[in-house]
Amino acid sequence: MRHILVTNDFPPKIGGIQSYLWELWRRLPSDEVTVLTSPHRGAEQFDQAQPFHVVRIREPVLLPSPVMSRRVRRLAADVGAEGVIIDPVLPLGLIGPELGLPYGVILHGAETAVPGRLPAGRQLLNRVISGASLIVAAGGYPETEARRAARDAHRVPPVVQIPPGVDTARWLRSTRRPSEPTSVCRPAVSSSSVSAGSCPAKAWTR
């Protein structure tokens, strides 16, 4: 399905969420993907190297507002998008119910759990989730938190769990004994560049 990914977290900005999104979206059919994101140093060269279309706003950050909703609707019309995927669920996901298009949200963890513990935050979270057509959860924890925040479990849309992966050709599983100090990562092959967020600290070692 032709769609738009709307997010502030996309390379060349470095981070675990940025790597997670890029690793997922670069595997989708390039003619079905448009990414709307924020500016970043080095973005022009990065964007030109992508097989899909990347649109960057001039403002430093995407914020939920009527202006942003209109911008997404216009872009959807321009590229023929049938739906929108928004990351994160809060605050940017607040544009979802205003789009007039099917939308999904991506859940990572804290941006779901923290608002879900506060009355006002839970109300906003419930509004975004209950209006969505799809949830992409980066594991069982964010899915559980989303269901906890929802007032009506029957209004939670279909959930697809896609945990962050680890390149096993690059990283080796830890053989550390419990008495040894914990390290972070151990490359299986030499590499001059490592994708941020690709190595869970408890499971992998150097």
C-alpha atoms as a PDB file:
ATOM      1  CA  MET A   1       0.000   0.000   0.000  1.00  0.00           C
ATOM      2  CA  ARG A   2       1.328   3.426  -0.917  1.00  0.00           C
ATOM      3  CA  HIS A   3       1.785   5.407   2.276  1.00  0.00           C
ATOM      4  CA  ILE A   4       3.681   8.183   4.076  1.00  0.00           C
ATOM      5  CA  LEU A   5       5.895   7.680   7.116  1.00  0.00           C
ATOM      6  CA  VAL A   6       5.725  10.830   9.257  1.00  0.00           C
ATOM      7  CA  THR A   7       8.466  11.091  11.857  1.00  0.00           C
ATOM      8  CA  ASN A   8      11.094  13.334  13.430  1.00  0.00           C
ATOM      9  CA  ASP A   9      13.435  10.368  13.843  1.00  0.00           C
ATOM     10  CA  PHE A  10      15.086   9.398  10.591  1.00  0.00           C
ATOM     11  CA  PRO A  11      18.690   9.160   9.421  1.00  0.00           C
ATOM     12  CA  PRO A  12      21.173  10.668   8.991  1.00  0.00           C
ATOM     13  CA  LYS A  13      20.181  11.670  12.513  1.00  0.00           C
ATOM     14  CA  ILE A  14      21.769   9.001  14.725  1.00  0.00           C
ATOM     15  CA  GLY A  15      19.810   6.949  17.237  1.00  0.00           C
ATOM     16  CA  GLY A  16      18.142   3.637  17.896  1.00  0.00           C
ATOM     17  CA  ILE A  17      14.697   4.705  16.664  1.00  0.00           C
ATOM     18  CA  GLN A  18      16.214   6.281  13.562  1.00  0.00           C
ATOM     19  CA  SER A  19      18.031   3.043  12.730  1.00  0.00           C
ATOM     20  CA  TYR A  20      14.923   0.983  13.485  1.00  0.00           C
ATOM     21  CA  LEU A  21      12.730   2.980  11.111  1.00  0.00           C
ATOM     22  CA  TRP A  22      15.280   3.076   8.317  1.00  0.00           C
ATOM     23  CA  GLU A  23      15.957  -0.655   8.534  1.00  0.00           C
ATOM     24  CA  LEU A  24      12.226  -1.352   8.202  1.00  0.00           C
ATOM     25  CA  TRP A  25      11.339   1.157   5.527  1.00  0.00           C
ATOM     26  CA  ARG A  26      14.315   0.498   3.259  1.00  0.00           C
ATOM     27  CA  ARG A  27      13.013  -3.053   2.862  1.00  0.00           C
ATOM     28  CA  LEU A  28       9.607  -1.961   1.566  1.00  0.00           C
ATOM     29  CA  PRO A  29       8.821  -1.441  -2.123  1.00  0.00           C
ATOM     30  CA  SER A  30      10.374   1.933  -2.853  1.00  0.00           C
ATOM     31  CA  ASP A  31       7.496   3.092  -5.057  1.00  0.00           C
ATOM     32  CA  GLU A  32       5.099   2.698  -2.133  1.00  0.00           C
ATOM     33  CA  VAL A  33       7.076   4.781   0.382  1.00  0.00           C
ATOM     34  CA  THR A  34       7.356   8.504   1.039  1.00  0.00           C
ATOM     35  CA  VAL A  35       9.007   9.756   4.232  1.00  0.00           C
ATOM     36  CA  LEU A  36       8.113  13.140   5.712  1.00  0.00           C
ATOM     37  CA  THR A  37      10.651  14.148   8.316  1.00  0.00           C
ATOM     38  CA  SER A  38      12.640  16.986   9.866  1.00  0.00           C
ATOM     39  CA  PRO A  39      15.879  18.521   8.561  1.00  0.00           C
ATOM     40  CA  HIS A  40      19.316  17.361   9.628  1.00  0.00           C
ATOM     41  CA  ARG A  41      22.913  18.074   8.702  1.00  0.00           C
ATOM     42  CA  GLY A  42      23.968  15.837   5.818  1.00  0.00           C
ATOM     43  CA  ALA A  43      20.385  14.988   4.897  1.00  0.00           C
ATOM     44  CA  GLU A  44      20.630  16.022   1.246  1.00  0.00           C
ATOM     45  CA  GLN A  45      23.328  13.482   0.449  1.00  0.00           C
ATOM     46  CA  PHE A  46      21.594  10.790   2.498  1.00  0.00           C
ATOM     47  CA  ASP A  47      18.212  11.386   0.877  1.00  0.00           C
ATOM     48  CA  GLN A  48      19.641  11.178  -2.629  1.00  0.00           C
ATOM     49  CA  ALA A  49      21.025   7.729  -1.838  1.00  0.00           C
ATOM     50  CA  GLN A  50      17.634   6.322  -0.795  1.00  0.00           C
ATOM     51  CA  PRO A  51      15.457   4.334  -3.215  1.00  0.00           C
ATOM     52  CA  PHE A  52      12.322   6.030  -1.837  1.00  0.00           C
ATOM     53  CA  HIS A  53      11.201   9.647  -1.738  1.00  0.00           C
ATOM     54  CA  VAL A  54      12.173  11.717   1.328  1.00  0.00           C
ATOM     55  CA  VAL A  55      10.524  15.090   2.029  1.00  0.00           C
ATOM     56  CA  ARG A  56      11.960  17.342   4.742  1.00  0.00           C
ATOM     57  CA  ILE A  57      10.228  20.344   6.232  1.00  0.00           C
ATOM     58  CA  ARG A  58      12.050  23.637   6.785  1.00  0.00           C
ATOM     59  CA  GLU A  59      11.098  23.899  10.462  1.00  0.00           C
ATOM     60  CA  PRO A  60      13.412  22.116  12.931  1.00  0.00           C
ATOM     61  CA  VAL A  61      10.749  19.688  14.146  1.00  0.00           C
ATOM     62  CA  LEU A  62       7.391  18.221  13.140  1.00  0.00           C
ATOM     63  CA  LEU A  63       4.735  19.198  15.676  1.00  0.00           C
ATOM     64  CA  PRO A  64       1.052  18.242  15.867  1.00  0.00           C
ATOM     65  CA  SER A  65      -0.948  21.187  14.553  1.00  0.00           C
ATOM     66  CA  PRO A  66      -3.609  21.994  11.956  1.00  0.00           C
ATOM     67  CA  VAL A  67      -0.802  23.188   9.677  1.00  0.00           C
ATOM     68  CA  MET A  68       0.960  19.827   9.941  1.00  0.00           C
ATOM     69  CA  SER A  69      -2.280  17.946   9.299  1.00  0.00           C
ATOM     70  CA  ARG A  70      -2.876  19.958   6.133  1.00  0.00           C
ATOM     71  CA  ARG A  71       0.703  19.417   5.024  1.00  0.00           C
ATOM     72  CA  VAL A  72       0.376  15.651   5.394  1.00  0.00           C
ATOM     73  CA  ARG A  73      -2.949  15.621   3.541  1.00  0.00           C
ATOM     74  CA  ARG A  74      -1.463  17.625   0.661  1.00  0.00           C
ATOM     75  CA  LEU A  75       1.545  15.342   0.438  1.00  0.00           C
ATOM     76  CA  ALA A  76      -0.710  12.283   0.506  1.00  0.00           C
ATOM     77  CA  ALA A  77      -2.690  13.689  -2.399  1.00  0.00           C
ATOM     78  CA  ASP A  78       0.476  14.553  -4.327  1.00  0.00           C
ATOM     79  CA  VAL A  79       2.021  11.064  -4.027  1.00  0.00           C
ATOM     80  CA  GLY A  80      -1.226   9.099  -4.121  1.00  0.00           C
ATOM     81  CA  ALA A  81      -0.804   7.740  -0.584  1.00  0.00           C
ATOM     82  CA  GLU A  82      -3.656   5.648   0.783  1.00  0.00           C
ATOM     83  CA  GLY A  83      -2.545   5.879   4.402  1.00  0.00           C
ATOM     84  CA  VAL A  84      -0.104   7.374   6.895  1.00  0.00           C
ATOM     85  CA  ILE A  85       2.203   5.824   9.513  1.00  0.00           C
ATOM     86  CA  ILE A  86       3.108   8.163  12.374  1.00  0.00           C
ATOM     87  CA  ASP A  87       6.026   7.913  14.779  1.00  0.00           C
ATOM     88  CA  PRO A  88       5.873   8.500  17.689  1.00  0.00           C
ATOM     89  CA  VAL A  89       2.342   7.927  18.913  1.00  0.00           C
ATOM     90  CA  LEU A  90       2.646  11.054  21.107  1.00  0.00           C
ATOM     91  CA  PRO A  91       2.800  13.896  20.531  1.00  0.00           C
ATOM     92  CA  LEU A  92       2.992  13.680  16.726  1.00  0.00           C
ATOM     93  CA  GLY A  93       0.326  10.986  16.555  1.00  0.00           C
ATOM     94  CA  LEU A  94      -2.265  13.569  17.593  1.00  0.00           C
ATOM     95  CA  ILE A  95      -2.550  14.556  13.928  1.00  0.00           C
ATOM     96  CA  GLY A  96      -3.817  11.067  13.065  1.00  0.00           C
ATOM     97  CA  PRO A  97      -7.516  11.559  13.886  1.00  0.00           C
ATOM     98  CA  GLU A  98      -7.468  14.866  11.983  1.00  0.00           C
ATOM     99  CA  LEU A  99      -6.110  13.528   8.700  1.00  0.00           C
ATOM    100  CA  GLY A 100      -9.220  11.975   7.234  1.00  0.00           C
ATOM    101  CA  LEU A 101      -7.011   9.076   6.092  1.00  0.00           C
ATOM    102  CA  PRO A 102      -6.336   5.612   7.508  1.00  0.00           C
ATOM    103  CA  TYR A 103      -3.354   5.893   9.830  1.00  0.00           C
ATOM    104  CA  GLY A 104      -1.132   3.692  11.925  1.00  0.00           C
ATOM    105  CA  VAL A 105       1.225   4.476  14.792  1.00  0.00           C
ATOM    106  CA  ILE A 106       4.557   3.095  15.931  1.00  0.00           C
ATOM    107  CA  LEU A 107       5.129   2.297  19.606  1.00  0.00           C
ATOM    108  CA  HIS A 108       8.589   2.007  21.138  1.00  0.00           C
ATOM    109  CA  GLY A 109       8.084   2.166  24.897  1.00  0.00           C
ATOM    110  CA  ALA A 110       8.483   5.272  27.037  1.00  0.00           C
ATOM    111  CA  GLU A 111       6.390   7.508  24.779  1.00  0.00           C
ATOM    112  CA  THR A 112       3.539   5.074  25.466  1.00  0.00           C
ATOM    113  CA  ALA A 113       4.170   4.070  29.071  1.00  0.00           C
ATOM    114  CA  VAL A 114       4.748   7.512  30.593  1.00  0.00           C
ATOM    115  CA  PRO A 115       1.644   9.267  29.169  1.00  0.00           C
ATOM    116  CA  GLY A 116      -0.359   6.122  29.875  1.00  0.00           C
ATOM    117  CA  ARG A 117       0.236   6.597  33.615  1.00  0.00           C
ATOM    118  CA  LEU A 118      -1.130  10.150  33.631  1.00  0.00           C
ATOM    119  CA  PRO A 119      -4.868  10.902  33.304  1.00  0.00           C
ATOM    120  CA  ALA A 120      -4.500  13.558  30.603  1.00  0.00           C
ATOM    121  CA  GLY A 121      -1.808  11.621  28.766  1.00  0.00           C
ATOM    122  CA  ARG A 122      -3.847   8.445  28.866  1.00  0.00           C
ATOM    123  CA  GLN A 123      -6.826  10.255  27.375  1.00  0.00           C
ATOM    124  CA  LEU A 124      -4.719  11.564  24.481  1.00  0.00           C
ATOM    125  CA  LEU A 125      -3.073   8.187  23.958  1.00  0.00           C
ATOM    126  CA  ASN A 126      -6.430   6.447  23.924  1.00  0.00           C
ATOM    127  CA  ARG A 127      -7.763   8.903  21.343  1.00  0.00           C
ATOM    128  CA  VAL A 128      -4.854   8.277  18.961  1.00  0.00           C
ATOM    129  CA  ILE A 129      -4.811   4.502  19.412  1.00  0.00           C
ATOM    130  CA  SER A 130      -8.569   3.983  19.157  1.00  0.00           C
ATOM    131  CA  GLY A 131      -8.693   5.900  15.871  1.00  0.00           C
ATOM    132  CA  ALA A 132      -5.770   4.063  14.294  1.00  0.00           C
ATOM    133  CA  SER A 133      -6.050   1.266  11.742  1.00  0.00           C
ATOM    134  CA  LEU A 134      -2.743  -0.360  12.733  1.00  0.00           C
ATOM    135  CA  ILE A 135      -0.183  -0.421  15.519  1.00  0.00           C
ATOM    136  CA  VAL A 136       3.439  -1.363  14.907  1.00  0.00           C
ATOM    137  CA  ALA A 137       4.953  -2.279  18.284  1.00  0.00           C
ATOM    138  CA  ALA A 138       8.675  -2.704  18.798  1.00  0.00           C
ATOM    139  CA  GLY A 139       8.059  -5.638  21.137  1.00  0.00           C
ATOM    140  CA  GLY A 140       5.583  -6.940  23.677  1.00  0.00           C
ATOM    141  CA  TYR A 141       6.116  -4.200  26.246  1.00  0.00           C
ATOM    142  CA  PRO A 142       4.828  -1.267  24.144  1.00  0.00           C
ATOM    143  CA  GLU A 143       1.876  -3.365  23.005  1.00  0.00           C
ATOM    144  CA  THR A 144       1.002  -4.150  26.620  1.00  0.00           C
ATOM    145  CA  GLU A 145       1.233  -0.466  27.552  1.00  0.00           C
ATOM    146  CA  ALA A 146      -1.000   0.504  24.642  1.00  0.00           C
ATOM    147  CA  ARG A 147      -3.645  -2.004  25.696  1.00  0.00           C
ATOM    148  CA  ARG A 148      -3.377  -0.746  29.271  1.00  0.00           C
ATOM    149  CA  ALA A 149      -3.996   2.819  28.131  1.00  0.00           C
ATOM    150  CA  ALA A 150      -6.981   1.922  25.971  1.00  0.00           C
ATOM    151  CA  ARG A 151     -10.306   2.339  27.733  1.00  0.00           C
ATOM    152  CA  ASP A 152     -11.895  -0.295  25.535  1.00  0.00           C
ATOM    153  CA  ALA A 153      -9.730  -3.266  24.544  1.00  0.00           C
ATOM    154  CA  HIS A 154     -12.035  -3.942  21.607  1.00  0.00           C
ATOM    155  CA  ARG A 155     -11.078  -0.576  20.089  1.00  0.00           C
ATOM    156  CA  VAL A 156      -7.366  -1.423  19.916  1.00  0.00           C
ATOM    157  CA  PRO A 157      -6.523  -1.908  16.215  1.00  0.00           C
ATOM    158  CA  PRO A 158      -4.531  -4.868  14.864  1.00  0.00           C
ATOM    159  CA  VAL A 159      -1.034  -4.957  16.350  1.00  0.00           C
ATOM    160  CA  VAL A 160       2.097  -6.110  14.516  1.00  0.00           C
ATOM    161  CA  GLN A 161       5.110  -6.727  16.734  1.00  0.00           C
ATOM    162  CA  ILE A 162       8.449  -6.034  15.036  1.00  0.00           C
ATOM    163  CA  PRO A 163      11.246  -6.140  17.632  1.00  0.00           C
ATOM    164  CA  PRO A 164      14.532  -4.428  16.736  1.00  0.00           C
ATOM    165  CA  GLY A 165      16.838  -6.910  15.038  1.00  0.00           C
ATOM    166  CA  VAL A 166      20.533  -7.626  15.434  1.00  0.00           C
ATOM    167  CA  ASP A 167      22.860  -8.291  12.515  1.00  0.00           C
ATOM    168  CA  THR A 168      24.292 -11.672  13.534  1.00  0.00           C
ATOM    169  CA  ALA A 169      26.898 -11.436  10.796  1.00  0.00           C
ATOM    170  CA  ARG A 170      28.352  -8.424  12.630  1.00  0.00           C
ATOM    171  CA  TRP A 171      27.685  -9.182  16.306  1.00  0.00           C
ATOM    172  CA  LEU A 172      28.374 -12.246  18.435  1.00  0.00           C
ATOM    173  CA  ARG A 173      26.260 -13.417  21.369  1.00  0.00           C
ATOM    174  CA  SER A 174      27.983 -12.952  24.704  1.00  0.00           C
ATOM    175  CA  THR A 175      29.808 -15.906  26.260  1.00  0.00           C
ATOM    176  CA  ARG A 176      30.605 -13.882  29.383  1.00  0.00           C
ATOM    177  CA  ARG A 177      30.415 -15.712  32.701  1.00  0.00           C
ATOM    178  CA  PRO A 178      28.205 -14.055  35.369  1.00  0.00           C
ATOM    179  CA  SER A 179      31.308 -13.126  37.413  1.00  0.00           C
ATOM    180  CA  GLU A 180      32.844 -11.185  34.531  1.00  0.00           C
ATOM    181  CA  PRO A 181      32.190  -7.459  33.976  1.00  0.00           C
ATOM    182  CA  THR A 182      29.474  -6.639  31.476  1.00  0.00           C
ATOM    183  CA  SER A 183      30.540  -5.173  28.143  1.00  0.00           C
ATOM    184  CA  VAL A 184      28.353  -3.918  25.373  1.00  0.00           C
ATOM    185  CA  CYS A 185      29.123  -5.231  21.878  1.00  0.00           C
ATOM    186  CA  ARG A 186      31.603  -7.411  20.103  1.00  0.00           C
ATOM    187  CA  PRO A 187      31.903  -7.093  16.334  1.00  0.00           C
ATOM    188  CA  ALA A 188      32.010 -10.427  14.525  1.00  0.00           C
ATOM    189  CA  VAL A 189      33.745  -8.689  11.623  1.00  0.00           C
ATOM    190  CA  SER A 190      35.738  -5.495  11.475  1.00  0.00           C
ATOM    191  CA  SER A 191      33.706  -2.505  10.412  1.00  0.00           C
ATOM    192  CA  SER A 192      34.315   1.212  10.346  1.00  0.00           C
ATOM    193  CA  SER A 193      30.650   2.047  10.897  1.00  0.00           C
ATOM    194  CA  VAL A 194      28.135   0.586  13.314  1.00  0.00           C
ATOM    195  CA  SER A 195      24.417   1.263  13.235  1.00  0.00           C
ATOM    196  CA  ALA A 196      23.358   2.892  16.481  1.00  0.00           C
ATOM    197  CA  GLY A 197      20.847   0.988  18.527  1.00  0.00           C
ATOM    198  CA  SER A 198      21.682  -2.340  16.862  1.00  0.00           C
ATOM    199  CA  CYS A 199      23.111  -4.082  19.910  1.00  0.00           C
ATOM    200  CA  PRO A 200      21.106  -4.797  23.098  1.00  0.00           C
ATOM    201  CA  ALA A 201      23.547  -4.319  25.952  1.00  0.00           C
ATOM    202  CA  LYS A 202      22.449  -7.327  28.017  1.00  0.00           C
ATOM    203  CA  ALA A 203      22.597  -9.851  25.191  1.00  0.00           C
ATOM    204  CA  TRP A 204      25.711  -8.822  23.286  1.00  0.00           C
ATOM    205  CA  THR A 205      29.274  -8.150  24.294  1.00  0.00           C
ATOM    206  CA  ARG A 206      32.610  -7.035  22.962  1.00  0.00           C
END
